[in-house]
């Protein structure tokens, strides 16, 4: 999934990597409530956090932190029976940035039975995140 926004790569990277600031621009949804970051250190590779969803909790970690172009996260749900890997690639455009958001969902054990429902939820949340990002930063011309 991708969206073009009217901000340079550094500004987009800063917004996406500021996990503590997600409440300011992302807001709650039917699935998502907030992000809780462990400690007060700046966010970087290895930072641990929790995505608090309406009906579940995901334990996450920043797995790639390469300003201003690449950022990635891995989250475990259900005690690790399901994992979500999200990767951002930020490409410069005239007057903005193309934000490519790729995600992979893997499940094992009991979580495989909920795979169809969770994938739809995750797909909808991915679309919402990109839409909110575009709304916050402006659409590229």
Protein backbone atom coordinates (compact mmCIF):
# COMPACT_ATOMS: atom_id res chain seq x y z
CA UNK A 1 0.00 0.00 0.00
CA UNK A 2 1.22 3.49 -0.69
CA UNK A 3 0.31 7.15 -0.41
CA UNK A 4 1.97 10.36 -1.63
CA UNK A 5 2.23 13.13 0.97
CA UNK A 6 3.26 16.80 0.79
CA UNK A 7 6.22 16.58 3.17
CA UNK A 8 9.89 15.74 2.76
CA UNK A 9 11.21 12.32 3.73
CA UNK A 10 12.80 13.56 6.97
CA UNK A 11 9.48 14.96 8.22
CA UNK A 12 7.61 11.77 7.29
CA UNK A 13 10.27 9.59 8.92
CA UNK A 14 10.17 11.71 12.07
CA UNK A 15 6.39 11.39 12.31
CA UNK A 16 6.34 7.62 11.71
CA UNK A 17 9.21 6.92 14.11
CA UNK A 18 7.79 9.09 16.92
CA UNK A 19 5.78 6.31 18.53
CA UNK A 20 4.98 8.49 21.53
CA UNK A 21 3.29 10.99 19.21
CA UNK A 22 0.96 8.56 17.42
CA UNK A 23 -2.01 9.65 19.55
CA UNK A 24 -1.58 13.20 18.20
CA UNK A 25 -2.13 12.33 14.53
CA UNK A 26 -3.37 8.75 14.28
CA UNK A 27 -6.13 8.67 16.84
CA UNK A 28 -8.21 5.70 17.91
CA UNK A 29 -10.08 3.40 15.57
CA UNK A 30 -12.31 0.36 15.85
CA UNK A 31 -9.10 -1.66 16.32
CA UNK A 32 -6.37 0.69 17.62
CA UNK A 33 -6.24 2.65 20.89
CA UNK A 34 -2.67 3.82 21.62
CA UNK A 35 1.06 3.03 21.65
CA UNK A 36 3.03 2.62 24.87
CA UNK A 37 6.83 2.91 24.54
CA UNK A 38 9.21 1.33 27.05
CA UNK A 39 11.51 3.90 28.68
CA UNK A 40 12.28 7.51 27.81
CA UNK A 41 15.15 7.01 25.35
CA UNK A 42 14.73 8.21 21.77
CA UNK A 43 13.10 5.66 19.47
CA UNK A 44 15.56 3.64 17.39
CA UNK A 45 16.34 0.09 16.33
CA UNK A 46 15.60 -2.20 19.26
CA UNK A 47 13.03 0.10 20.92
CA UNK A 48 10.27 -1.98 22.48
CA UNK A 49 6.66 -0.86 22.63
CA UNK A 50 3.09 -2.10 22.95
CA UNK A 51 0.29 -1.45 20.50
CA UNK A 52 -2.88 -1.36 22.56
CA UNK A 53 -5.80 -2.46 20.42
CA UNK A 54 -9.44 -2.48 21.44
CA UNK A 55 -9.46 -6.25 22.04
CA UNK A 56 -5.80 -7.28 22.19
CA UNK A 57 -2.27 -6.19 22.95
CA UNK A 58 0.72 -6.51 20.60
CA UNK A 59 4.29 -6.53 21.87
CA UNK A 60 6.43 -4.69 19.33
CA UNK A 61 9.99 -3.79 18.46
CA UNK A 62 11.54 -1.37 16.00
CA UNK A 63 13.59 -3.67 13.74
CA UNK A 64 14.90 -1.20 11.15
CA UNK A 65 15.68 2.47 11.70
CA UNK A 66 17.43 4.13 8.76
CA UNK A 67 16.52 7.83 8.52
CA UNK A 68 15.12 9.19 6.33
CA UNK A 69 14.29 6.23 4.09
CA UNK A 70 13.43 3.01 5.92
CA UNK A 71 11.62 2.03 9.09
CA UNK A 72 10.29 -1.36 10.18
CA UNK A 73 8.47 -2.94 13.10
CA UNK A 74 7.68 -6.48 14.26
CA UNK A 75 4.75 -7.17 16.58
CA UNK A 76 3.72 -10.35 18.34
CA UNK A 77 0.07 -11.10 19.17
CA UNK A 78 -1.39 -13.88 21.25
CA UNK A 79 1.84 -14.79 23.02
CA UNK A 80 3.70 -14.96 19.72
CA UNK A 81 1.27 -17.21 17.84
CA UNK A 82 0.80 -14.38 15.34
CA UNK A 83 3.32 -11.83 14.11
CA UNK A 84 2.92 -8.72 12.03
CA UNK A 85 5.90 -7.20 10.26
CA UNK A 86 5.44 -3.67 8.92
CA UNK A 87 8.04 -1.93 6.77
CA UNK A 88 8.04 1.62 5.43
CA UNK A 89 10.02 2.82 2.43
CA UNK A 90 10.06 6.58 1.87
CA UNK A 91 10.89 7.76 -1.65
CA UNK A 92 11.44 11.39 -2.56
CA UNK A 93 9.00 12.93 -5.04
CA UNK A 94 8.82 16.45 -6.45
CA UNK A 95 6.98 18.32 -3.71
CA UNK A 96 6.67 15.39 -1.33
CA UNK A 97 7.30 11.78 -0.43
CA UNK A 98 5.88 8.46 -1.55
CA UNK A 99 5.21 6.32 1.53
CA UNK A 100 5.21 2.60 0.80
CA UNK A 101 3.82 0.52 3.69
CA UNK A 102 4.26 -3.22 3.38
CA UNK A 103 3.06 -5.67 5.96
CA UNK A 104 3.24 -9.40 6.47
CA UNK A 105 1.05 -11.39 8.80
CA UNK A 106 2.01 -14.86 9.98
CA UNK A 107 0.10 -17.16 12.29
CA UNK A 108 0.60 -20.58 13.81
CA UNK A 109 -1.34 -22.80 16.12
CA UNK A 110 -4.71 -21.50 17.24
CA UNK A 111 -4.07 -18.06 15.67
CA UNK A 112 -4.32 -19.64 12.19
CA UNK A 113 -8.04 -20.10 12.76
CA UNK A 114 -8.51 -16.35 13.23
CA UNK A 115 -6.27 -15.51 10.28
CA UNK A 116 -9.08 -14.52 7.89
CA UNK A 117 -10.63 -12.10 10.42
CA UNK A 118 -7.35 -10.60 11.56
CA UNK A 119 -6.08 -10.07 8.01
CA UNK A 120 -9.14 -8.03 7.13
CA UNK A 121 -8.76 -5.99 10.30
CA UNK A 122 -5.06 -5.42 9.62
CA UNK A 123 -5.69 -4.47 5.98
CA UNK A 124 -8.33 -1.93 7.04
CA UNK A 125 -6.03 -0.50 9.71
CA UNK A 126 -3.19 -0.16 7.18
CA UNK A 127 -5.47 1.83 4.85
CA UNK A 128 -6.57 4.00 7.76
CA UNK A 129 -2.98 4.72 8.84
CA UNK A 130 -1.99 5.86 5.35
CA UNK A 131 -5.13 7.96 5.05
CA UNK A 132 -4.49 9.65 8.41
CA UNK A 133 -0.86 10.23 7.42
CA UNK A 134 -1.98 11.94 4.20
CA UNK A 135 -4.59 13.97 6.10
CA UNK A 136 -2.00 15.09 8.64
CA UNK A 137 0.82 15.94 6.20
CA UNK A 138 -1.26 16.89 3.17
CA UNK A 139 -1.60 15.12 -0.17
CA UNK A 140 1.23 15.53 -2.67
CA UNK A 141 0.29 17.27 -5.90
